[in-house]
Amino acid sequence: MVQLFGFRNHEGGRRFEEALLAIARKNAKSTLAAAILLSVMCLENENGAQIVSAATTGSQARIVWKVAKEMVDRTPELREHFDLEAFSNSITRSDVPGIYKPINSKASTQDGLNPSAIGLDEIHAHKTHDLVNVLRSAAGARKNLLVLYTTTEGYENPGPWAEIRSFARQVLQALFRADHFLALIFAMDDADDEFDETKWVKANPLMVCNPIIRKEMRKLAVEARIMPGTHAEFLIKRCNRPASTSTGWVNLTRWKACAGEVDVEKLRGAPCVGAFDLANTMDMNAWAMLWWLEGQFYARLRYWVPESAVAQRTERRSVPYAGWVKAGWIRQTEGDTTDYTIIEKEILADCNEFSPSRVACDPWNATSTTTALVNQGVPVEQFIQGPRSYNPAMKAAELSYTARRLHHGGNPVLTWNAANLVARKDVNLNLAPDRKRSADKIDGMCALLMCFGLAAADDSEAFGHFLDNVVSA
């Protein structure tokens, strides 16, 4: 409450326009959400305030609203001081006109709203972005908007929760700044034993003052040990862990320690390789170059994103593409699709300037670009997208960054890609990037890993004797 109402931005509005509270069941999530939304209605004195509680169903949306109604009903002083009146489907304020009501989940019926505060309960259960998008766009005229997401973990679905969760965690890990977003996630860590009672408080902070929670957790833990069918529910709802935890491959602490300068002028003449990873025409594309000199490795990345994708990400506030474009980390191309001729020209210019010995590519979606570059004399070769090729490349990259022999210049887009990267293993435990399970874009990391694969093959002494034949299928 202090963070939400006690800090303001330079224009006098609230600092945190969005807030996430993710916590295990039975930890007063609905009570806290109701108090926050009532506080917006009562303390901020905005004329015509519209406060809404929304969820996937009307009955779910009424849960938080009913708690707020009960607060109003049971507190005469609150009703009198703020001129509140609670009805069967709304709470109204008369002295400074305002209304608080629950709404159903049909996005198409919400276009007439102009909400000043939005409570989206159990955001994990939303199977599409529709309601979130409609409510956020409806609030476009409000200068002091609050969007409050409250949830316990849930089973994976195509809705907005995975995106919001990933964004929140990356903000907490300081991968990028998002001064408008407040995240509070109470969850057991991946390394914690879910049956260790001393760890339960991480997901259940009310346990310290409510012995009933510990008693209930003990009962459910016994069932989860014995009955496999209840184990997942215990992990998700009581430990607040995702349904299927995808552990990131990169150790971010060690990765961030490799933010050393990459001075390409000093690298002229040093051996180098390149690699590009091209997405479809409406997504991120990446080109990586890797130099090695005196036992150190230096990486430089270029990114291209179409204008429409930058606008979409900016509107959804999921990743700061616009800020990265402004800072020069991403090249924004005009229109709805990527202009591959721009990519080809910039890759060709780098190749002419630094003469990489080899250039790798993911053959997917790269035929025309590969042909154009080969015709210009660039030594392009396909990097087979599988564990047998990627495993030595990933070992080489891991060896380099964990030993602080890699310098990536603190590139925030690459660091974001690194944080998203999840590895998959084949039956022989060989590694490869897993695009499906990765939290978001990993294009830059895939390009860099292909570079490491080529470099390891070109100069095996720099990486160790275990790296041989890294690009064979």
Protein backbone atom coordinates (compact mmCIF):
# COMPACT_ATOMS: atom_id res chain seq x y z
CA MET A 1 0.00 0.00 0.00
CA VAL A 2 2.84 2.38 0.84
CA GLN A 3 4.53 1.71 -2.51
CA LEU A 4 1.30 2.25 -4.47
CA PHE A 5 0.06 5.37 -2.71
CA GLY A 6 3.19 6.91 -1.20
CA PHE A 7 5.31 7.43 -4.31
CA ARG A 8 4.52 9.84 -7.15
CA ASN A 9 6.08 10.60 -10.50
CA HIS A 10 7.39 13.98 -11.67
CA GLU A 11 3.95 14.96 -13.00
CA GLY A 12 2.30 14.28 -9.64
CA GLY A 13 0.59 11.07 -10.72
CA ARG A 14 1.20 7.67 -9.20
CA ARG A 15 4.61 6.20 -9.80
CA PHE A 16 3.39 2.61 -10.17
CA GLU A 17 0.66 2.41 -12.81
CA GLU A 18 0.72 -1.37 -12.81
CA ALA A 19 1.14 -3.74 -9.89
CA LEU A 20 1.32 -7.51 -9.57
CA LEU A 21 0.61 -9.51 -6.43
CA ALA A 22 1.30 -13.22 -6.96
CA ILE A 23 0.87 -15.30 -3.83
CA ALA A 24 -0.30 -18.74 -2.70
CA ARG A 25 -3.91 -19.43 -1.81
CA LYS A 26 -5.43 -18.33 1.50
CA ASN A 27 -3.05 -15.41 2.04
CA ALA A 28 -5.65 -12.59 1.95
CA LYS A 29 -5.05 -11.72 -1.70
CA SER A 30 -8.70 -10.73 -2.27
CA THR A 31 -8.82 -8.70 0.94
CA LEU A 32 -5.74 -6.71 0.00
CA ALA A 33 -7.00 -6.16 -3.56
CA ALA A 34 -10.35 -4.89 -2.25
CA ALA A 35 -8.63 -2.48 0.13
CA ILE A 36 -6.42 -1.12 -2.66
CA LEU A 37 -9.31 -0.54 -5.05
CA LEU A 38 -11.43 1.09 -2.34
CA SER A 39 -8.49 3.31 -1.45
CA VAL A 40 -8.30 4.55 -5.04
CA MET A 41 -12.00 5.35 -4.92
CA CYS A 42 -11.91 7.06 -1.51
CA LEU A 43 -8.52 8.73 -1.24
CA GLU A 44 -7.78 10.06 -4.70
CA ASN A 45 -10.89 12.21 -5.18
CA GLU A 46 -11.03 11.77 -8.94
CA ASN A 47 -14.28 13.06 -10.41
CA GLY A 48 -16.16 10.36 -12.24
CA ALA A 49 -13.89 7.60 -10.97
CA GLN A 50 -14.70 4.15 -12.31
CA ILE A 51 -13.26 1.24 -10.36
CA VAL A 52 -13.74 -2.24 -11.78
CA SER A 53 -13.04 -5.76 -10.57
CA ALA A 54 -12.69 -8.11 -13.53
CA ALA A 55 -11.99 -11.80 -13.98
CA THR A 56 -12.67 -14.65 -16.37
CA THR A 57 -16.20 -15.09 -15.02
CA GLY A 58 -18.69 -12.76 -13.43
CA SER A 59 -18.73 -14.82 -10.24
CA GLN A 60 -14.94 -14.67 -9.96
CA ALA A 61 -14.99 -10.91 -10.53
CA ARG A 62 -17.49 -10.52 -7.70
CA ILE A 63 -15.18 -12.18 -5.16
CA VAL A 64 -12.94 -9.13 -4.66
CA TRP A 65 -15.88 -6.76 -5.10
CA LYS A 66 -17.90 -8.58 -2.40
CA VAL A 67 -15.01 -8.19 0.04
CA ALA A 68 -14.99 -4.46 -0.69
CA LYS A 69 -18.79 -4.31 -0.26
CA GLU A 70 -18.51 -6.05 3.09
CA MET A 71 -15.89 -3.52 4.19
CA VAL A 72 -18.29 -0.72 3.32
CA ASP A 73 -21.27 -2.44 4.94
CA ARG A 74 -19.41 -3.12 8.19
CA THR A 75 -17.75 0.28 8.56
CA PRO A 76 -20.27 3.11 9.15
CA GLU A 77 -17.45 5.62 9.57
CA LEU A 78 -16.14 4.77 6.10
CA ARG A 79 -19.58 5.16 4.52
CA GLU A 80 -20.22 8.47 6.26
CA HIS A 81 -16.82 10.07 5.68
CA PHE A 82 -16.70 9.28 1.95
CA ASP A 83 -20.45 9.32 1.29
CA LEU A 84 -20.45 5.69 0.14
CA GLU A 85 -23.43 3.48 -0.52
CA ALA A 86 -23.28 -0.24 -1.32
CA PHE A 87 -25.86 -1.77 -3.64
CA SER A 88 -26.30 -5.30 -4.93
CA ASN A 89 -24.05 -4.70 -7.95
CA SER A 90 -22.14 -1.50 -7.24
CA ILE A 91 -20.59 0.76 -4.63
CA THR A 92 -21.14 4.46 -5.26
CA ARG A 93 -19.62 7.65 -3.92
CA SER A 94 -21.78 10.78 -4.09
CA ASP A 95 -19.67 13.70 -2.84
CA VAL A 96 -17.01 13.11 -5.50
CA PRO A 97 -18.97 11.05 -8.03
CA GLY A 98 -17.55 7.59 -8.50
CA ILE A 99 -18.58 3.97 -8.87
CA TYR A 100 -17.01 0.59 -8.16
CA LYS A 101 -18.50 -2.49 -9.76
CA PRO A 102 -17.65 -6.03 -10.89
CA ILE A 103 -17.74 -6.77 -14.61
CA ASN A 104 -18.04 -9.97 -16.58
CA SER A 105 -15.30 -11.34 -18.81
CA LYS A 106 -16.85 -10.63 -22.21
CA ALA A 107 -14.36 -8.19 -23.68
CA SER A 108 -16.72 -6.98 -26.37
CA THR A 109 -19.16 -5.57 -23.79
CA GLN A 110 -16.61 -3.34 -22.02
CA ASP A 111 -16.02 -0.70 -24.69
CA GLY A 112 -18.12 1.94 -22.89
CA LEU A 113 -15.93 1.95 -19.80
CA ASN A 114 -13.41 4.60 -18.77
CA PRO A 115 -11.80 2.92 -15.74
CA SER A 116 -9.51 4.77 -13.37
CA ALA A 117 -8.51 1.56 -11.54
CA ILE A 118 -8.70 -2.02 -12.75
CA GLY A 119 -8.44 -5.10 -10.60
CA LEU A 120 -7.78 -8.20 -12.70
CA ASP A 121 -8.17 -11.20 -10.43
CA GLU A 122 -6.60 -14.62 -11.09
CA ILE A 123 -4.87 -13.32 -14.20
CA HIS A 124 -3.38 -16.81 -14.72
CA ALA A 125 -6.84 -18.08 -15.73
CA HIS A 126 -7.35 -15.61 -18.61
CA LYS A 127 -6.99 -17.64 -21.80
CA THR A 128 -6.68 -14.63 -24.10
CA HIS A 129 -5.40 -11.05 -23.92
CA ASP A 130 -8.81 -9.67 -24.98
CA LEU A 131 -10.19 -8.42 -21.65
CA VAL A 132 -6.84 -7.00 -20.55
CA ASN A 133 -6.39 -5.17 -23.84
CA VAL A 134 -9.95 -3.77 -23.90
CA LEU A 135 -9.75 -2.48 -20.32
CA ARG A 136 -6.33 -0.93 -20.78
CA SER A 137 -7.34 0.81 -24.00
CA ALA A 138 -10.58 2.02 -22.37
CA ALA A 139 -8.52 3.72 -19.67
CA GLY A 140 -6.41 5.68 -22.13
CA ALA A 141 -7.84 9.05 -21.01
CA ARG A 142 -6.98 8.55 -17.33
CA LYS A 143 -3.84 10.29 -16.05
CA ASN A 144 -3.62 8.32 -12.82
CA LEU A 145 -4.55 4.79 -13.90
CA LEU A 146 -3.87 1.77 -11.70
CA VAL A 147 -3.94 -1.75 -13.13
CA LEU A 148 -3.73 -4.34 -10.35
CA TYR A 149 -3.03 -7.97 -11.27
CA THR A 150 -3.66 -10.51 -8.52
CA THR A 151 -3.16 -14.21 -8.92
CA THR A 152 -2.00 -17.54 -7.65
CA GLU A 153 -0.04 -19.67 -10.10
CA GLY A 154 -1.98 -21.83 -12.56
CA TYR A 155 -1.65 -24.26 -15.40
CA GLU A 156 -0.14 -22.90 -18.60
CA ASN A 157 -2.44 -21.42 -21.24
CA PRO A 158 -2.07 -18.96 -24.16
CA GLY A 159 -3.27 -16.00 -22.08
CA PRO A 160 -1.32 -13.01 -20.72
CA TRP A 161 -0.08 -14.54 -17.46
CA ALA A 162 3.14 -16.11 -18.79
CA GLU A 163 4.06 -12.79 -20.39
CA ILE A 164 3.25 -10.75 -17.27
CA ARG A 165 5.11 -13.18 -15.01
CA SER A 166 8.19 -13.16 -17.24
CA PHE A 167 8.16 -9.36 -17.42
CA ALA A 168 7.80 -9.03 -13.63
CA ARG A 169 10.65 -11.41 -12.92
CA GLN A 170 12.96 -9.68 -15.33
CA VAL A 171 12.15 -6.33 -13.72
CA LEU A 172 12.98 -7.86 -10.33
CA GLN A 173 16.24 -9.22 -11.76
CA ALA A 174 17.07 -5.69 -13.01
CA LEU A 175 17.34 -6.84 -16.62
CA PHE A 176 15.71 -3.55 -17.54
CA ARG A 177 14.02 -0.65 -15.77
CA ALA A 178 10.24 -0.36 -15.67
CA ASP A 179 9.53 2.39 -13.15
CA HIS A 180 5.78 2.09 -13.73
CA PHE A 181 5.60 -1.56 -12.63
CA LEU A 182 5.52 -2.87 -9.04
CA ALA A 183 5.96 -6.62 -8.64
CA LEU A 184 5.48 -8.67 -5.48
CA ILE A 185 5.90 -12.40 -6.03
CA PHE A 186 5.69 -14.73 -3.04
CA ALA A 187 6.81 -18.18 -4.19
CA MET A 188 9.06 -21.05 -3.24
CA ASP A 189 12.29 -21.12 -5.21
CA ASP A 190 12.91 -23.80 -7.81
CA ALA A 191 15.70 -25.29 -5.69
CA ASP A 192 13.50 -25.55 -2.58
CA ASP A 193 12.13 -28.87 -1.42
CA GLU A 194 8.37 -28.37 -1.52
CA PHE A 195 8.01 -30.58 1.56
CA ASP A 196 10.42 -28.50 3.67
CA GLU A 197 8.21 -26.65 6.16
CA THR A 198 10.80 -23.93 6.70
CA LYS A 199 10.41 -22.88 3.05
CA TRP A 200 6.61 -22.66 2.98
CA VAL A 201 6.58 -19.12 4.33
CA LYS A 202 8.11 -17.88 1.07
CA ALA A 203 4.81 -18.49 -0.69
CA ASN A 204 2.62 -18.11 2.40
CA PRO A 205 3.69 -14.97 4.29
CA LEU A 206 0.56 -15.02 6.48
CA MET A 207 1.79 -18.29 7.96
CA VAL A 208 3.74 -16.29 10.56
CA CYS A 209 0.49 -15.03 12.10
CA ASN A 210 -2.04 -17.66 11.03
CA PRO A 211 -1.32 -21.19 12.35
CA ILE A 212 -4.22 -22.58 10.33
CA ILE A 213 -2.22 -22.15 7.11
CA ARG A 214 0.64 -24.29 8.45
CA LYS A 215 -1.82 -26.94 9.61
CA GLU A 216 -3.49 -27.01 6.20
CA MET A 217 -0.12 -27.11 4.40
CA ARG A 218 0.97 -30.12 6.45
CA LYS A 219 -2.21 -32.00 5.56
CA LEU A 220 -1.90 -31.19 1.86
CA ALA A 221 1.81 -32.09 1.85
CA VAL A 222 1.03 -35.57 3.15
CA GLU A 223 -1.51 -36.07 0.38
CA ALA A 224 0.89 -34.71 -2.24
CA ARG A 225 3.59 -37.19 -1.17
CA ILE A 226 1.28 -40.18 -1.40
CA MET A 227 -1.09 -39.26 -4.23
CA PRO A 228 0.74 -38.12 -7.40
CA GLY A 229 -2.47 -36.59 -8.75
CA THR A 230 -2.44 -33.98 -5.99
CA HIS A 231 1.25 -33.11 -6.23
CA ALA A 232 0.96 -30.63 -9.10
CA GLU A 233 -1.91 -28.83 -7.40
CA PHE A 234 0.15 -28.56 -4.21
CA LEU A 235 3.11 -27.09 -6.10
CA ILE A 236 1.00 -24.63 -8.06
CA LYS A 237 -1.57 -23.40 -5.55
CA ARG A 238 0.27 -23.78 -2.24
CA CYS A 239 3.92 -23.27 -3.25
CA ASN A 240 3.00 -20.77 -5.98
CA ARG A 241 5.24 -22.42 -8.54
CA PRO A 242 4.46 -22.53 -12.29
CA ALA A 243 2.85 -25.71 -13.58
CA SER A 244 6.01 -26.72 -15.43
CA THR A 245 8.99 -24.73 -14.29
CA SER A 246 11.31 -23.80 -17.14
CA THR A 247 14.70 -23.18 -15.67
CA GLY A 248 16.78 -20.60 -17.50
CA TRP A 249 20.07 -21.88 -18.84
CA VAL A 250 22.11 -18.72 -18.19
CA ASN A 251 23.36 -17.76 -14.73
CA LEU A 252 22.42 -14.09 -14.87
CA THR A 253 24.73 -13.03 -12.06
CA ARG A 254 27.77 -14.34 -13.93
CA TRP A 255 26.40 -13.11 -17.25
CA LYS A 256 26.02 -9.54 -16.00
CA ALA A 257 29.59 -9.67 -14.71
CA CYS A 258 30.69 -9.96 -18.36
CA ALA A 259 29.47 -6.49 -19.36
CA GLY A 260 32.97 -5.41 -20.32
CA GLU A 261 33.65 -2.97 -23.14
CA VAL A 262 33.74 -4.21 -26.73
CA ASP A 263 36.04 -1.86 -28.63
CA VAL A 264 35.97 -3.08 -32.21
CA GLU A 265 38.80 -0.73 -33.19
CA LYS A 266 41.14 -2.68 -30.93
CA LEU A 267 39.81 -5.94 -32.38
CA ARG A 268 40.67 -5.21 -35.99
CA GLY A 269 42.72 -8.07 -37.34
CA ALA A 270 41.70 -10.44 -34.56
CA PRO A 271 40.08 -13.71 -35.66
CA CYS A 272 36.29 -13.49 -35.74
CA VAL A 273 33.16 -15.27 -36.92
CA GLY A 274 29.57 -14.22 -37.45
CA ALA A 275 26.07 -15.70 -37.37
CA PHE A 276 22.56 -14.51 -38.09
CA ASP A 277 19.19 -15.71 -36.86
CA LEU A 278 16.27 -14.45 -38.94
CA ALA A 279 12.71 -14.63 -37.70
CA ASN A 280 9.61 -14.15 -39.80
CA THR A 281 9.15 -10.72 -41.31
CA MET A 282 7.15 -9.41 -38.33
CA ASP A 283 9.59 -10.27 -35.56
CA MET A 284 13.11 -9.81 -34.18
CA ASN A 285 16.16 -10.59 -36.30
CA ALA A 286 19.71 -10.80 -34.97
CA TRP A 287 23.29 -10.71 -36.27
CA ALA A 288 26.18 -11.58 -33.97
CA MET A 289 29.92 -11.25 -34.33
CA LEU A 290 32.44 -12.88 -32.01
CA TRP A 291 36.16 -12.04 -31.78
CA TRP A 292 38.77 -13.80 -29.67
CA LEU A 293 42.02 -12.20 -28.61
CA GLU A 294 44.52 -13.19 -25.91
CA GLY A 295 42.15 -15.65 -24.28
CA GLN A 296 39.21 -13.22 -24.19
CA PHE A 297 36.03 -13.25 -26.29
CA TYR A 298 34.18 -10.16 -27.49
CA ALA A 299 30.60 -10.21 -28.76
CA ARG A 300 28.72 -7.54 -30.67
CA LEU A 301 25.06 -7.89 -31.65
CA ARG A 302 22.85 -6.08 -34.11
CA TYR A 303 19.04 -6.35 -33.95
CA TRP A 304 16.30 -5.37 -36.39
CA VAL A 305 12.61 -5.17 -35.47
CA PRO A 306 9.77 -3.87 -37.67
CA GLU A 307 8.02 -0.68 -36.61
CA SER A 308 4.70 -2.46 -35.95
CA ALA A 309 6.33 -4.93 -33.53
CA VAL A 310 7.97 -2.08 -31.60
CA ALA A 311 4.60 -0.32 -31.33
CA GLN A 312 2.84 -3.51 -30.19
CA ARG A 313 5.41 -4.27 -27.50
CA THR A 314 5.33 -0.66 -26.34
CA GLU A 315 1.54 -0.68 -26.12
CA ARG A 316 1.51 -3.93 -24.16
CA ARG A 317 4.44 -2.75 -22.01
CA SER A 318 5.81 -6.26 -22.06
CA VAL A 319 9.36 -5.39 -23.20
CA PRO A 320 10.94 -1.91 -23.64
CA TYR A 321 11.53 -2.16 -27.41
CA ALA A 322 10.94 1.58 -27.87
CA GLY A 323 13.59 2.42 -25.27
CA TRP A 324 16.07 0.03 -26.86
CA VAL A 325 15.39 1.59 -30.26
CA LYS A 326 16.00 5.06 -28.85
CA ALA A 327 19.23 3.93 -27.17
CA GLY A 328 20.47 2.37 -30.41
CA TRP A 329 20.41 -1.27 -29.32
CA ILE A 330 17.72 -2.14 -31.88
CA ARG A 331 17.31 -0.89 -35.45
CA GLN A 332 13.65 -0.19 -36.19
CA THR A 333 12.65 -0.83 -39.80
CA GLU A 334 9.71 0.94 -41.37
CA GLY A 335 6.31 -0.68 -41.77
CA ASP A 336 4.74 -3.91 -40.58
CA THR A 337 7.46 -6.25 -41.84
CA THR A 338 11.22 -6.41 -41.72
CA ASP A 339 13.08 -5.21 -44.78
CA TYR A 340 15.66 -7.94 -45.32
CA THR A 341 17.62 -5.80 -47.76
CA ILE A 342 18.60 -3.56 -44.82
CA ILE A 343 19.80 -6.59 -42.86
CA GLU A 344 21.77 -7.89 -45.83
CA LYS A 345 23.49 -4.53 -46.35
CA GLU A 346 24.53 -4.19 -42.71
CA ILE A 347 25.78 -7.77 -42.45
CA LEU A 348 27.70 -7.34 -45.69
CA ALA A 349 29.24 -4.09 -44.42
CA ASP A 350 30.43 -5.83 -41.22
CA CYS A 351 31.84 -8.73 -43.22
CA ASN A 352 33.72 -6.40 -45.55
CA GLU A 353 35.11 -4.48 -42.56
CA PHE A 354 36.13 -7.37 -40.29
CA SER A 355 36.46 -10.40 -42.64
CA PRO A 356 34.95 -13.16 -40.48
CA SER A 357 36.42 -16.54 -41.38
CA ARG A 358 32.98 -18.19 -41.30
CA VAL A 359 29.37 -17.06 -41.01
CA ALA A 360 26.66 -19.39 -39.71
CA CYS A 361 22.93 -19.18 -40.21
CA ASP A 362 19.80 -20.94 -39.11
CA PRO A 363 18.48 -22.16 -42.47
CA TRP A 364 14.89 -21.44 -41.44
CA ASN A 365 13.60 -18.35 -43.25
CA ALA A 366 17.10 -17.41 -44.44
CA THR A 367 17.31 -18.72 -48.00
CA SER A 368 17.11 -15.38 -49.82
CA THR A 369 19.43 -13.59 -47.39
CA THR A 370 21.93 -16.45 -47.52
CA THR A 371 21.90 -16.45 -51.31
CA ALA A 372 22.38 -12.68 -51.48
CA LEU A 373 25.34 -12.78 -49.06
CA VAL A 374 27.00 -15.78 -50.73
CA ASN A 375 26.77 -13.97 -54.06
CA GLN A 376 28.73 -11.12 -52.42
CA GLY A 377 31.47 -13.51 -51.26
CA VAL A 378 30.39 -13.96 -47.63
CA PRO A 379 31.35 -17.46 -46.39
CA VAL A 380 27.88 -18.46 -45.15
CA GLU A 381 27.18 -22.01 -43.98
CA GLN A 382 24.19 -23.67 -42.38
CA PHE A 383 24.31 -24.41 -38.68
CA ILE A 384 22.18 -27.48 -38.06
CA GLN A 385 19.57 -26.66 -35.43
CA GLY A 386 19.92 -29.61 -33.09
CA PRO A 387 21.65 -30.77 -29.89
CA ARG A 388 24.63 -32.36 -31.67
CA SER A 389 25.56 -28.97 -33.15
CA TYR A 390 24.50 -26.73 -30.30
CA ASN A 391 25.85 -28.81 -27.40
CA PRO A 392 29.57 -27.98 -27.94
CA ALA A 393 28.63 -24.40 -28.79
CA MET A 394 26.69 -24.03 -25.54
CA LYS A 395 29.52 -25.60 -23.58
CA ALA A 396 31.97 -23.16 -25.13
CA ALA A 397 29.71 -20.18 -24.36
CA GLU A 398 29.14 -21.34 -20.81
CA LEU A 399 32.86 -21.89 -20.26
CA SER A 400 33.57 -18.38 -21.52
CA TYR A 401 31.00 -16.38 -19.56
CA THR A 402 31.32 -18.28 -16.28
CA ALA A 403 35.10 -17.73 -16.39
CA ARG A 404 34.52 -14.03 -17.23
CA ARG A 405 36.37 -14.42 -20.49
CA LEU A 406 33.39 -13.07 -22.44
CA HIS A 407 32.69 -9.35 -22.96
CA HIS A 408 29.27 -8.39 -24.31
CA GLY A 409 29.25 -4.66 -23.59
CA GLY A 410 26.22 -4.86 -21.31
CA ASN A 411 23.88 -5.17 -24.29
CA PRO A 412 20.43 -5.18 -22.62
CA VAL A 413 18.69 -6.91 -25.53
CA LEU A 414 21.22 -9.74 -25.50
CA THR A 415 20.89 -10.00 -21.72
CA TRP A 416 17.11 -10.22 -22.14
CA ASN A 417 17.58 -12.99 -24.71
CA ALA A 418 19.94 -14.76 -22.32
CA ALA A 419 17.43 -14.55 -19.48
CA ASN A 420 14.73 -16.04 -21.71
CA LEU A 421 16.80 -18.97 -22.92
CA VAL A 422 15.71 -22.42 -21.79
CA ALA A 423 17.72 -25.47 -22.86
CA ARG A 424 16.38 -28.82 -23.98
CA LYS A 425 18.28 -32.12 -23.80
CA ASP A 426 18.28 -35.16 -26.04
CA VAL A 427 18.57 -38.73 -24.79
CA ASN A 428 22.35 -38.31 -24.52
CA LEU A 429 21.94 -35.08 -22.48
CA ASN A 430 23.22 -32.90 -25.32
CA LEU A 431 21.89 -29.35 -25.10
CA ALA A 432 20.14 -27.06 -27.56
CA PRO A 433 18.02 -23.90 -27.19
CA ASP A 434 14.34 -24.66 -26.68
CA ARG A 435 12.37 -21.97 -28.48
CA LYS A 436 9.00 -23.33 -27.40
CA ARG A 437 9.74 -23.33 -23.67
CA SER A 438 11.83 -20.17 -23.59
CA ALA A 439 10.05 -17.26 -21.96
CA ASP A 440 10.38 -14.90 -24.94
CA LYS A 441 12.77 -14.02 -27.75
CA ILE A 442 16.17 -15.74 -27.82
CA ASP A 443 17.30 -14.78 -31.35
CA GLY A 444 20.44 -12.93 -30.26
CA MET A 445 21.57 -15.77 -28.02
CA CYS A 446 21.02 -18.32 -30.78
CA ALA A 447 23.17 -16.21 -33.11
CA LEU A 448 25.87 -15.85 -30.47
CA LEU A 449 25.83 -19.59 -29.71
CA MET A 450 26.29 -20.35 -33.40
CA CYS A 451 29.30 -18.01 -33.31
CA PHE A 452 30.76 -19.94 -30.41
CA GLY A 453 30.23 -23.17 -32.33
CA LEU A 454 32.18 -21.82 -35.32
CA ALA A 455 34.89 -20.26 -33.18
CA ALA A 456 35.40 -23.45 -31.22
CA ALA A 457 35.87 -25.38 -34.44
CA ASP A 458 38.29 -22.76 -35.82
CA ASP A 459 40.39 -22.46 -32.67
CA SER A 460 39.86 -25.44 -30.40
CA GLU A 461 42.87 -24.51 -28.26
CA ALA A 462 41.00 -21.41 -27.08
CA PHE A 463 38.12 -23.48 -25.72
CA GLY A 464 39.58 -26.74 -24.59
CA HIS A 465 40.12 -30.19 -26.03
CA PHE A 466 36.45 -31.28 -25.64
CA LEU A 467 35.22 -29.14 -28.56
CA ASP A 468 35.45 -30.75 -31.94
CA ASN A 469 33.30 -30.85 -35.11
CA VAL A 470 30.67 -28.52 -33.64
CA VAL A 471 28.57 -27.88 -36.73
CA SER A 472 28.02 -31.42 -37.95
CA ALA A 473 24.48 -32.75 -37.88
